[in-house]
Amino acid sequence: MNHDVMNEEASSSPDQHGGAPTRLCVCADAFGLHPSVNDAVLQLVAQGRLQATSAMVGAPAWLPGAAALKALEPE
């Protein structure tokens, strides 16, 4: 499936009631829980598919994950 086409269609089509296009904010959960969770979140951010994440600051993978988040360029 071509996600770019899907996103373009979803963001440019009016909703079923003829109003503004539907917008969706996607938030990942449990960043810092495990390196694989961090990797998945960072990959989604790099693909432009994620707008937010919760942070488990006491979890084992938080410190290295925080450094990776800090290194991201804001839009």
C-alpha atoms as a PDB file:
ATOM      1  CA  MET A   1       0.000   0.000   0.000  1.00  0.00           C
ATOM      2  CA  ASN A   2       1.303   3.426  -0.903  1.00  0.00           C
ATOM      3  CA  HIS A   3       1.034   5.370   2.358  1.00  0.00           C
ATOM      4  CA  ASP A   4       1.823   8.703   0.690  1.00  0.00           C
ATOM      5  CA  VAL A   5      -1.241   8.360  -1.524  1.00  0.00           C
ATOM      6  CA  MET A   6      -3.350   7.231   1.429  1.00  0.00           C
ATOM      7  CA  ASN A   7      -2.251  10.218   3.539  1.00  0.00           C
ATOM      8  CA  GLU A   8      -2.799  12.652   0.680  1.00  0.00           C
ATOM      9  CA  GLU A   9      -6.311  11.349   0.134  1.00  0.00           C
ATOM     10  CA  ALA A  10      -7.122  11.397   3.838  1.00  0.00           C
ATOM     11  CA  SER A  11      -5.824  14.922   4.380  1.00  0.00           C
ATOM     12  CA  SER A  12      -7.329  16.505   1.288  1.00  0.00           C
ATOM     13  CA  SER A  13     -10.809  14.985   1.327  1.00  0.00           C
ATOM     14  CA  PRO A  14     -13.644  16.739   3.135  1.00  0.00           C
ATOM     15  CA  ASP A  15     -15.312  14.728   5.878  1.00  0.00           C
ATOM     16  CA  GLN A  16     -18.592  12.918   5.250  1.00  0.00           C
ATOM     17  CA  HIS A  17     -20.550  15.977   6.353  1.00  0.00           C
ATOM     18  CA  GLY A  18     -18.862  18.303   3.852  1.00  0.00           C
ATOM     19  CA  GLY A  19     -16.713  20.068   6.452  1.00  0.00           C
ATOM     20  CA  ALA A  20     -12.971  20.488   6.750  1.00  0.00           C
ATOM     21  CA  PRO A  21     -10.639  17.545   6.151  1.00  0.00           C
ATOM     22  CA  THR A  22     -10.281  15.187   9.091  1.00  0.00           C
ATOM     23  CA  ARG A  23      -7.019  15.518  11.016  1.00  0.00           C
ATOM     24  CA  LEU A  24      -5.539  12.840  13.252  1.00  0.00           C
ATOM     25  CA  CYS A  25      -2.858  13.230  15.899  1.00  0.00           C
ATOM     26  CA  VAL A  26      -1.094   9.950  16.676  1.00  0.00           C
ATOM     27  CA  CYS A  27       0.615   9.565  20.057  1.00  0.00           C
ATOM     28  CA  ALA A  28       2.838   6.590  20.874  1.00  0.00           C
ATOM     29  CA  ASP A  29       2.845   5.182  24.377  1.00  0.00           C
ATOM     30  CA  ALA A  30       5.650   3.909  26.632  1.00  0.00           C
ATOM     31  CA  PHE A  31       8.726   5.566  25.085  1.00  0.00           C
ATOM     32  CA  GLY A  32      11.633   4.519  27.289  1.00  0.00           C
ATOM     33  CA  LEU A  33      10.178   1.141  28.251  1.00  0.00           C
ATOM     34  CA  HIS A  34      12.469  -0.871  25.985  1.00  0.00           C
ATOM     35  CA  PRO A  35      14.967  -0.124  23.194  1.00  0.00           C
ATOM     36  CA  SER A  36      12.669  -1.749  20.623  1.00  0.00           C
ATOM     37  CA  VAL A  37       9.809   0.565  21.651  1.00  0.00           C
ATOM     38  CA  ASN A  38      12.128   3.550  21.319  1.00  0.00           C
ATOM     39  CA  ASP A  39      13.298   2.368  17.897  1.00  0.00           C
ATOM     40  CA  ALA A  40       9.723   1.986  16.653  1.00  0.00           C
ATOM     41  CA  VAL A  41       8.738   5.444  17.917  1.00  0.00           C
ATOM     42  CA  LEU A  42      11.812   7.078  16.382  1.00  0.00           C
ATOM     43  CA  GLN A  43      11.151   5.314  13.076  1.00  0.00           C
ATOM     44  CA  LEU A  44       7.552   6.550  13.024  1.00  0.00           C
ATOM     45  CA  VAL A  45       8.728  10.097  13.753  1.00  0.00           C
ATOM     46  CA  ALA A  46      11.262   9.892  10.911  1.00  0.00           C
ATOM     47  CA  GLN A  47       8.468   8.774   8.567  1.00  0.00           C
ATOM     48  CA  GLY A  48       6.283  11.705   9.640  1.00  0.00           C
ATOM     49  CA  ARG A  49       3.628   9.353  11.034  1.00  0.00           C
ATOM     50  CA  LEU A  50       3.821  10.306  14.714  1.00  0.00           C
ATOM     51  CA  GLN A  51       3.163  13.637  16.378  1.00  0.00           C
ATOM     52  CA  ALA A  52       3.641  12.828  20.080  1.00  0.00           C
ATOM     53  CA  THR A  53       4.809  10.233  22.578  1.00  0.00           C
ATOM     54  CA  SER A  54       4.441   9.595  26.267  1.00  0.00           C
ATOM     55  CA  ALA A  55       7.653   9.126  28.239  1.00  0.00           C
ATOM     56  CA  MET A  56       8.405   6.512  30.876  1.00  0.00           C
ATOM     57  CA  VAL A  57      11.217   8.448  32.529  1.00  0.00           C
ATOM     58  CA  GLY A  58      11.898   5.780  35.156  1.00  0.00           C
ATOM     59  CA  ALA A  59      12.097   2.936  32.658  1.00  0.00           C
ATOM     60  CA  PRO A  60      15.369   1.242  31.640  1.00  0.00           C
ATOM     61  CA  ALA A  61      15.605   2.615  28.095  1.00  0.00           C
ATOM     62  CA  TRP A  62      14.633   6.198  28.930  1.00  0.00           C
ATOM     63  CA  LEU A  63      18.088   7.816  29.103  1.00  0.00           C
ATOM     64  CA  PRO A  64      19.369   6.615  25.728  1.00  0.00           C
ATOM     65  CA  GLY A  65      15.944   7.225  24.235  1.00  0.00           C
ATOM     66  CA  ALA A  66      15.856  10.778  25.568  1.00  0.00           C
ATOM     67  CA  ALA A  67      19.166  11.507  23.877  1.00  0.00           C
ATOM     68  CA  ALA A  68      17.783  10.201  20.572  1.00  0.00           C
ATOM     69  CA  LEU A  69      14.633  12.325  20.924  1.00  0.00           C
ATOM     70  CA  LYS A  70      16.679  15.405  21.707  1.00  0.00           C
ATOM     71  CA  ALA A  71      18.692  14.884  18.527  1.00  0.00           C
ATOM     72  CA  LEU A  72      15.580  15.050  16.313  1.00  0.00           C
ATOM     73  CA  GLU A  73      15.029  18.165  14.236  1.00  0.00           C
ATOM     74  CA  PRO A  74      11.721  19.918  15.027  1.00  0.00           C
ATOM     75  CA  GLU A  75       9.475  20.699  12.057  1.00  0.00           C
END
